Amino acid sequence: MSPFEIEIAMHYYCRCGDSPDIKVPIGPQTIKEMVDQGLLTFDPSGAGQQYFPTEKLRVYCEALQAIPLPKRVWKL
């Protein structure tokens, strides 16, 4: 995943409401691809938020959070 896709995934994982990235030129296509991959689901009712995270997206975001941050180590 690209950093842009990760940003959208994390938005839907931890926030209510649609991502503001929907309005950037590449946003709608990226979100459509995430729906096609089963990461987001679409609510056609039009009442408020239209996209919601799936269990697959939740598992992916939890896996990202489980990766430890790299540490810089100097060796001679």
C-alpha atoms as a PDB file:
ATOM      1  CA  MET A   1       0.000   0.000   0.000  1.00  0.00           C
ATOM      2  CA  SER A   2       1.090   3.527  -0.681  1.00  0.00           C
ATOM      3  CA  PRO A   3       1.330   6.078   2.147  1.00  0.00           C
ATOM      4  CA  PHE A   4      -1.814   7.740   0.733  1.00  0.00           C
ATOM      5  CA  GLU A   5      -3.738   4.443   0.923  1.00  0.00           C
ATOM      6  CA  ILE A   6      -2.457   3.818   4.456  1.00  0.00           C
ATOM      7  CA  GLU A   7      -3.620   7.303   5.468  1.00  0.00           C
ATOM      8  CA  ILE A   8      -7.121   6.581   4.146  1.00  0.00           C
ATOM      9  CA  ALA A   9      -7.173   3.147   5.795  1.00  0.00           C
ATOM     10  CA  MET A  10      -6.159   4.590   9.158  1.00  0.00           C
ATOM     11  CA  HIS A  11      -8.752   7.349   8.815  1.00  0.00           C
ATOM     12  CA  TYR A  12     -11.595   4.843   8.447  1.00  0.00           C
ATOM     13  CA  TYR A  13     -10.097   2.613  11.135  1.00  0.00           C
ATOM     14  CA  CYS A  14     -10.065   5.271  13.862  1.00  0.00           C
ATOM     15  CA  ARG A  15     -12.483   8.056  12.869  1.00  0.00           C
ATOM     16  CA  CYS A  16     -16.154   8.490  12.099  1.00  0.00           C
ATOM     17  CA  GLY A  17     -17.093  10.228   8.895  1.00  0.00           C
ATOM     18  CA  ASP A  18     -15.704  10.078   5.410  1.00  0.00           C
ATOM     19  CA  SER A  19     -12.087  10.868   4.709  1.00  0.00           C
ATOM     20  CA  PRO A  20     -11.368  14.411   3.498  1.00  0.00           C
ATOM     21  CA  ASP A  21      -9.106  12.752   0.902  1.00  0.00           C
ATOM     22  CA  ILE A  22     -12.239  11.853  -1.086  1.00  0.00           C
ATOM     23  CA  LYS A  23     -12.048  15.379  -2.507  1.00  0.00           C
ATOM     24  CA  VAL A  24      -8.501  15.176  -3.902  1.00  0.00           C
ATOM     25  CA  PRO A  25      -8.210  14.079  -7.561  1.00  0.00           C
ATOM     26  CA  ILE A  26      -6.925  10.556  -6.822  1.00  0.00           C
ATOM     27  CA  GLY A  27      -9.182  10.054  -3.774  1.00  0.00           C
ATOM     28  CA  PRO A  28     -12.330   8.605  -5.400  1.00  0.00           C
ATOM     29  CA  GLN A  29     -10.344   6.066  -7.454  1.00  0.00           C
ATOM     30  CA  THR A  30      -8.303   5.010  -4.411  1.00  0.00           C
ATOM     31  CA  ILE A  31     -11.423   4.526  -2.299  1.00  0.00           C
ATOM     32  CA  LYS A  32     -13.102   2.562  -5.126  1.00  0.00           C
ATOM     33  CA  GLU A  33     -10.074   0.257  -5.237  1.00  0.00           C
ATOM     34  CA  MET A  34     -10.265  -0.199  -1.465  1.00  0.00           C
ATOM     35  CA  VAL A  35     -13.953  -1.146  -1.805  1.00  0.00           C
ATOM     36  CA  ASP A  36     -13.024  -3.623  -4.584  1.00  0.00           C
ATOM     37  CA  GLN A  37     -10.321  -5.124  -2.315  1.00  0.00           C
ATOM     38  CA  GLY A  38     -12.830  -5.592   0.503  1.00  0.00           C
ATOM     39  CA  LEU A  39     -11.241  -3.020   2.820  1.00  0.00           C
ATOM     40  CA  LEU A  40     -14.166  -0.575   2.787  1.00  0.00           C
ATOM     41  CA  THR A  41     -17.875  -1.086   2.330  1.00  0.00           C
ATOM     42  CA  PHE A  42     -20.247   1.429   0.760  1.00  0.00           C
ATOM     43  CA  ASP A  43     -23.541   2.568   2.313  1.00  0.00           C
ATOM     44  CA  PRO A  44     -25.765   3.790  -0.530  1.00  0.00           C
ATOM     45  CA  SER A  45     -28.393   5.249   1.820  1.00  0.00           C
ATOM     46  CA  GLY A  46     -26.669   8.636   1.607  1.00  0.00           C
ATOM     47  CA  ALA A  47     -27.301   9.360   5.282  1.00  0.00           C
ATOM     48  CA  GLY A  48     -24.059  10.884   6.533  1.00  0.00           C
ATOM     49  CA  GLN A  49     -20.985   8.708   6.162  1.00  0.00           C
ATOM     50  CA  GLN A  50     -20.909   6.621   2.995  1.00  0.00           C
ATOM     51  CA  TYR A  51     -17.900   4.338   3.575  1.00  0.00           C
ATOM     52  CA  PHE A  52     -17.238   2.055   6.518  1.00  0.00           C
ATOM     53  CA  PRO A  53     -14.267  -0.164   7.432  1.00  0.00           C
ATOM     54  CA  THR A  54     -14.595  -3.907   6.998  1.00  0.00           C
ATOM     55  CA  GLU A  55     -13.105  -6.521   9.300  1.00  0.00           C
ATOM     56  CA  LYS A  56     -10.320  -6.977   6.722  1.00  0.00           C
ATOM     57  CA  LEU A  57      -9.362  -3.291   7.082  1.00  0.00           C
ATOM     58  CA  ARG A  58      -9.429  -3.541  10.878  1.00  0.00           C
ATOM     59  CA  VAL A  59      -7.103  -6.550  10.817  1.00  0.00           C
ATOM     60  CA  TYR A  60      -4.738  -4.776   8.394  1.00  0.00           C
ATOM     61  CA  CYS A  61      -4.565  -1.618  10.534  1.00  0.00           C
ATOM     62  CA  GLU A  62      -3.938  -3.669  13.676  1.00  0.00           C
ATOM     63  CA  ALA A  63      -1.103  -5.478  11.856  1.00  0.00           C
ATOM     64  CA  LEU A  64       0.423  -2.115  10.884  1.00  0.00           C
ATOM     65  CA  GLN A  65       0.324  -0.995  14.498  1.00  0.00           C
ATOM     66  CA  ALA A  66       2.034  -4.191  15.641  1.00  0.00           C
ATOM     67  CA  ILE A  67       5.156  -3.489  13.550  1.00  0.00           C
ATOM     68  CA  PRO A  68       7.830  -2.053  15.857  1.00  0.00           C
ATOM     69  CA  LEU A  69       9.479   1.211  14.927  1.00  0.00           C
ATOM     70  CA  PRO A  70      12.992   0.792  13.560  1.00  0.00           C
ATOM     71  CA  LYS A  71      15.907   1.740  15.799  1.00  0.00           C
ATOM     72  CA  ARG A  72      19.148   3.218  14.601  1.00  0.00           C
ATOM     73  CA  VAL A  73      22.119   1.292  15.926  1.00  0.00           C
ATOM     74  CA  TRP A  74      25.747   2.244  15.345  1.00  0.00           C
ATOM     75  CA  LYS A  75      28.135  -0.666  15.021  1.00  0.00           C
ATOM     76  CA  LEU A  76      31.871  -0.676  14.590  1.00  0.00           C
END
